């Protein structure tokens, strides 16, 4: 979202930029976000800043501090596992549902989406791969045509998982090819109308990748079970 888009509400712009900075690690855990400082930084009143911080609190990214602002929450391994378990179930359901509802045009759109992912891999552009692979997951969810489900998935953000995912694909570029091939298999199952297979492949995709990411983040194998 462009920071200078005049059509974007102030609170939305602040929320999006702070969320991205927290998830990317640009704003570190335990950082205090001052309402007054943020209001000066964005040249706004404290009202849109408060609204943005409340939304971040609802998503579990910060803890509000009365009369101060908010504290960026520290990494929580148990929360990361909880998020992974929920995402694997919900995105598995999405894959199953699409196996029975996807149109020919939507299949073409998903294939085009994966082609963009492949082009990023071929170009060795891990940054582009990171964003395109995430966008492909979002596209799948949107095609399920369940607005509540999309909102739930959007709310399932975890800083530890996001930072570990980012680090994983950057430090292990070969993992990008594996992820791409898993997505091809998931889409093939969807095209075949095999909902059970599509669901199982998607759940395995999410669980395996998150296990690898959390292991890279420093957690041992015995703590990574789904």
Protein backbone atom coordinates (compact mmCIF):
# COMPACT_ATOMS: atom_id res chain seq x y z
CA UNK A 1 0.00 0.00 0.00
CA UNK A 2 1.46 3.30 -1.04
CA UNK A 3 2.21 5.53 1.90
CA UNK A 4 1.36 8.66 -0.07
CA UNK A 5 -2.00 7.46 -1.43
CA UNK A 6 -4.41 10.27 -0.58
CA UNK A 7 -7.37 7.85 -0.72
CA UNK A 8 -6.04 5.65 2.06
CA UNK A 9 -7.35 6.56 5.56
CA UNK A 10 -4.61 7.72 7.92
CA UNK A 11 -5.22 4.92 10.43
CA UNK A 12 -5.10 2.30 7.68
CA UNK A 13 -1.80 3.63 6.31
CA UNK A 14 -0.22 3.69 9.78
CA UNK A 15 -1.55 0.22 10.59
CA UNK A 16 -0.23 -1.31 7.36
CA UNK A 17 3.21 0.26 7.65
CA UNK A 18 3.65 -0.66 11.31
CA UNK A 19 2.41 -4.20 10.71
CA UNK A 20 4.85 -4.73 7.85
CA UNK A 21 7.73 -3.31 9.92
CA UNK A 22 6.90 -5.59 12.87
CA UNK A 23 6.51 -8.73 10.77
CA UNK A 24 9.69 -8.08 8.82
CA UNK A 25 11.69 -7.47 12.00
CA UNK A 26 12.41 -3.85 11.13
CA UNK A 27 10.70 -2.99 14.41
CA UNK A 28 12.16 -5.41 16.93
CA UNK A 29 10.30 -7.28 19.69
CA UNK A 30 9.98 -5.34 22.97
CA UNK A 31 10.14 -1.99 21.15
CA UNK A 32 7.89 0.67 22.69
CA UNK A 33 5.75 2.47 20.12
CA UNK A 34 4.93 5.91 21.46
CA UNK A 35 1.64 7.45 20.37
CA UNK A 36 3.14 10.92 20.47
CA UNK A 37 6.23 9.90 18.49
CA UNK A 38 4.14 8.13 15.86
CA UNK A 39 1.78 11.09 15.59
CA UNK A 40 4.75 13.37 14.92
CA UNK A 41 6.30 10.89 12.50
CA UNK A 42 3.14 10.61 10.42
CA UNK A 43 2.12 14.24 10.96
CA UNK A 44 -1.32 13.26 12.26
CA UNK A 45 -3.30 13.53 15.46
CA UNK A 46 -3.13 10.74 18.02
CA UNK A 47 -6.57 9.42 17.06
CA UNK A 48 -5.53 7.49 13.88
CA UNK A 49 -2.43 6.26 15.71
CA UNK A 50 -4.60 4.85 18.51
CA UNK A 51 -6.87 3.16 15.96
CA UNK A 52 -3.88 1.57 14.22
CA UNK A 53 -2.40 0.32 17.51
CA UNK A 54 -5.74 -1.17 18.57
CA UNK A 55 -5.85 -3.19 15.34
CA UNK A 56 -2.31 -4.40 15.91
CA UNK A 57 -3.29 -5.44 19.43
CA UNK A 58 -6.27 -7.39 18.09
CA UNK A 59 -3.88 -9.32 15.86
CA UNK A 60 -1.60 -10.09 18.78
CA UNK A 61 1.34 -8.05 17.51
CA UNK A 62 1.46 -5.45 20.30
CA UNK A 63 0.31 -4.90 23.85
CA UNK A 64 -1.26 -1.53 24.54
CA UNK A 65 0.37 0.53 27.28
CA UNK A 66 -1.95 3.17 28.84
CA UNK A 67 -0.88 6.79 28.24
CA UNK A 68 2.19 5.62 26.32
CA UNK A 69 1.30 3.63 23.22
CA UNK A 70 2.13 0.00 22.68
CA UNK A 71 4.82 -2.62 23.30
CA UNK A 72 5.78 -4.91 20.42
CA UNK A 73 5.30 -8.43 21.71
CA UNK A 74 8.28 -10.72 22.06
CA UNK A 75 8.49 -13.92 20.01
CA UNK A 76 6.22 -16.62 21.41
CA UNK A 77 7.05 -20.12 20.21
CA UNK A 78 3.81 -21.63 21.50
CA UNK A 79 1.79 -18.97 19.67
CA UNK A 80 3.72 -19.67 16.47
CA UNK A 81 2.79 -23.36 16.72
CA UNK A 82 -0.85 -22.48 17.42
CA UNK A 83 -0.96 -20.22 14.35
CA UNK A 84 0.59 -22.95 12.20
CA UNK A 85 -1.92 -25.56 13.35
CA UNK A 86 -4.86 -23.28 12.61
CA UNK A 87 -3.50 -22.17 9.23
CA UNK A 88 -2.87 -25.76 8.15
CA UNK A 89 -6.47 -26.69 8.94
CA UNK A 90 -8.03 -23.62 7.32
CA UNK A 91 -5.86 -23.57 4.22
CA UNK A 92 -6.33 -27.33 3.87
CA UNK A 93 -10.07 -26.67 3.90
CA UNK A 94 -9.60 -24.00 1.24
CA UNK A 95 -7.79 -26.48 -1.03
CA UNK A 96 -10.52 -29.10 -0.50
CA UNK A 97 -13.26 -26.58 -1.24
CA UNK A 98 -11.58 -25.34 -4.41
CA UNK A 99 -11.35 -28.90 -5.72
CA UNK A 100 -15.15 -28.86 -6.00
CA UNK A 101 -15.75 -25.26 -7.04
CA UNK A 102 -12.87 -23.86 -9.08
CA UNK A 103 -13.71 -22.66 -12.58
CA UNK A 104 -11.57 -23.07 -15.68
CA UNK A 105 -10.75 -19.36 -15.65
CA UNK A 106 -9.69 -19.51 -12.02
CA UNK A 107 -7.42 -22.47 -12.75
CA UNK A 108 -5.78 -20.38 -15.48
CA UNK A 109 -5.36 -17.53 -13.02
CA UNK A 110 -3.70 -19.80 -10.46
CA UNK A 111 -1.38 -21.24 -13.09
CA UNK A 112 -0.41 -17.70 -14.08
CA UNK A 113 0.23 -16.94 -10.41
CA UNK A 114 2.53 -19.95 -10.10
CA UNK A 115 4.29 -18.96 -13.31
CA UNK A 116 5.23 -15.68 -11.62
CA UNK A 117 6.58 -17.68 -8.69
CA UNK A 118 8.65 -19.83 -11.08
CA UNK A 119 10.01 -16.78 -12.89
CA UNK A 120 11.21 -15.36 -9.59
CA UNK A 121 12.98 -18.66 -8.81
CA UNK A 122 14.58 -18.83 -12.25
CA UNK A 123 15.81 -15.26 -11.88
CA UNK A 124 17.20 -16.01 -8.42
CA UNK A 125 15.03 -13.20 -7.07
CA UNK A 126 14.26 -14.52 -3.59
CA UNK A 127 12.60 -11.27 -2.53
CA UNK A 128 10.12 -11.53 -5.41
CA UNK A 129 9.58 -15.22 -4.68
CA UNK A 130 8.80 -14.46 -1.04
CA UNK A 131 6.07 -11.97 -1.94
CA UNK A 132 4.65 -13.95 -4.87
CA UNK A 133 4.40 -17.21 -2.95
CA UNK A 134 2.56 -15.46 -0.16
CA UNK A 135 0.29 -13.74 -2.70
CA UNK A 136 -0.54 -17.16 -4.20
CA UNK A 137 -1.78 -18.37 -0.81
CA UNK A 138 -3.92 -15.23 -0.54
CA UNK A 139 -5.34 -15.83 -4.01
CA UNK A 140 -6.34 -19.38 -3.13
CA UNK A 141 -8.13 -18.16 0.00
CA UNK A 142 -9.97 -15.43 -1.92
CA UNK A 143 -11.23 -17.96 -4.45
CA UNK A 144 -12.96 -19.91 -1.68
CA UNK A 145 -15.49 -17.06 -1.64
CA UNK A 146 -15.80 -16.99 2.12
CA UNK A 147 -15.17 -13.49 3.45
CA UNK A 148 -15.12 -14.56 7.08
CA UNK A 149 -12.54 -17.22 6.32
CA UNK A 150 -10.34 -14.69 4.53
CA UNK A 151 -10.57 -12.30 7.48
CA UNK A 152 -9.62 -15.07 9.91
CA UNK A 153 -6.60 -16.02 7.80
CA UNK A 154 -5.56 -12.38 7.56
CA UNK A 155 -5.70 -12.15 11.35
CA UNK A 156 -3.46 -15.21 11.81
CA UNK A 157 -0.17 -13.37 11.75
CA UNK A 158 2.78 -14.29 13.91
CA UNK A 159 6.04 -12.30 13.91
CA UNK A 160 8.22 -15.34 14.66
CA UNK A 161 6.78 -17.36 11.78
CA UNK A 162 7.01 -14.44 9.37
CA UNK A 163 10.61 -13.58 10.23
CA UNK A 164 11.64 -17.24 10.17
CA UNK A 165 9.91 -17.74 6.81
CA UNK A 166 11.68 -14.73 5.35
CA UNK A 167 15.04 -15.91 6.67
CA UNK A 168 14.44 -19.48 5.48
CA UNK A 169 13.82 -18.64 1.82
CA UNK A 170 16.72 -16.18 1.81
CA UNK A 171 19.23 -18.56 3.39
CA UNK A 172 18.01 -21.68 1.58
CA UNK A 173 17.17 -20.60 -2.00
CA UNK A 174 16.76 -24.26 -3.01
CA UNK A 175 13.71 -24.45 -0.74
CA UNK A 176 11.90 -22.14 -3.14
CA UNK A 177 11.90 -24.83 -5.84
CA UNK A 178 10.52 -27.38 -3.38
CA UNK A 179 7.72 -25.02 -2.37
CA UNK A 180 6.90 -24.31 -6.00
CA UNK A 181 6.67 -28.04 -6.79
CA UNK A 182 4.39 -28.54 -3.78
CA UNK A 183 2.09 -25.82 -5.09
CA UNK A 184 2.00 -27.51 -8.51
CA UNK A 185 0.96 -30.78 -6.84
CA UNK A 186 -1.74 -29.01 -4.82
CA UNK A 187 -3.14 -27.32 -7.93
CA UNK A 188 -3.06 -30.62 -9.85
CA UNK A 189 -5.14 -32.27 -7.11
CA UNK A 190 -7.57 -29.37 -7.20
CA UNK A 191 -7.90 -29.67 -10.98
CA UNK A 192 -8.53 -33.41 -10.62
CA UNK A 193 -11.36 -32.67 -8.21
CA UNK A 194 -9.63 -34.68 -5.47
CA UNK A 195 -10.49 -32.64 -2.40
CA UNK A 196 -8.99 -35.06 0.11
CA UNK A 197 -5.66 -35.11 -1.70
CA UNK A 198 -5.59 -31.35 -2.17
CA UNK A 199 -6.30 -30.81 1.54
CA UNK A 200 -3.63 -33.29 2.65
CA UNK A 201 -1.01 -31.77 0.36
CA UNK A 202 -1.75 -28.24 1.52
CA UNK A 203 -1.59 -29.19 5.19
CA UNK A 204 1.66 -31.03 4.63
CA UNK A 205 3.05 -28.02 2.72
CA UNK A 206 2.32 -25.60 5.54
CA UNK A 207 3.40 -27.90 8.35
CA UNK A 208 6.66 -28.95 6.71
CA UNK A 209 7.65 -25.42 5.81
CA UNK A 210 6.85 -24.07 9.24
CA UNK A 211 8.82 -26.87 10.90
CA UNK A 212 11.83 -26.04 8.75
CA UNK A 213 11.46 -22.32 9.43
CA UNK A 214 11.18 -22.72 13.19
CA UNK A 215 14.10 -25.14 13.24
CA UNK A 216 16.19 -22.54 11.42
CA UNK A 217 15.03 -20.00 13.98
CA UNK A 218 16.73 -22.12 16.66
CA UNK A 219 14.15 -24.58 17.93
CA UNK A 220 15.05 -28.26 18.18
CA UNK A 221 13.28 -31.08 16.37
CA UNK A 222 11.45 -32.46 19.40
CA UNK A 223 9.64 -29.14 19.87
CA UNK A 224 8.41 -29.03 16.27
CA UNK A 225 5.54 -31.45 16.04
CA UNK A 226 2.19 -30.96 14.31
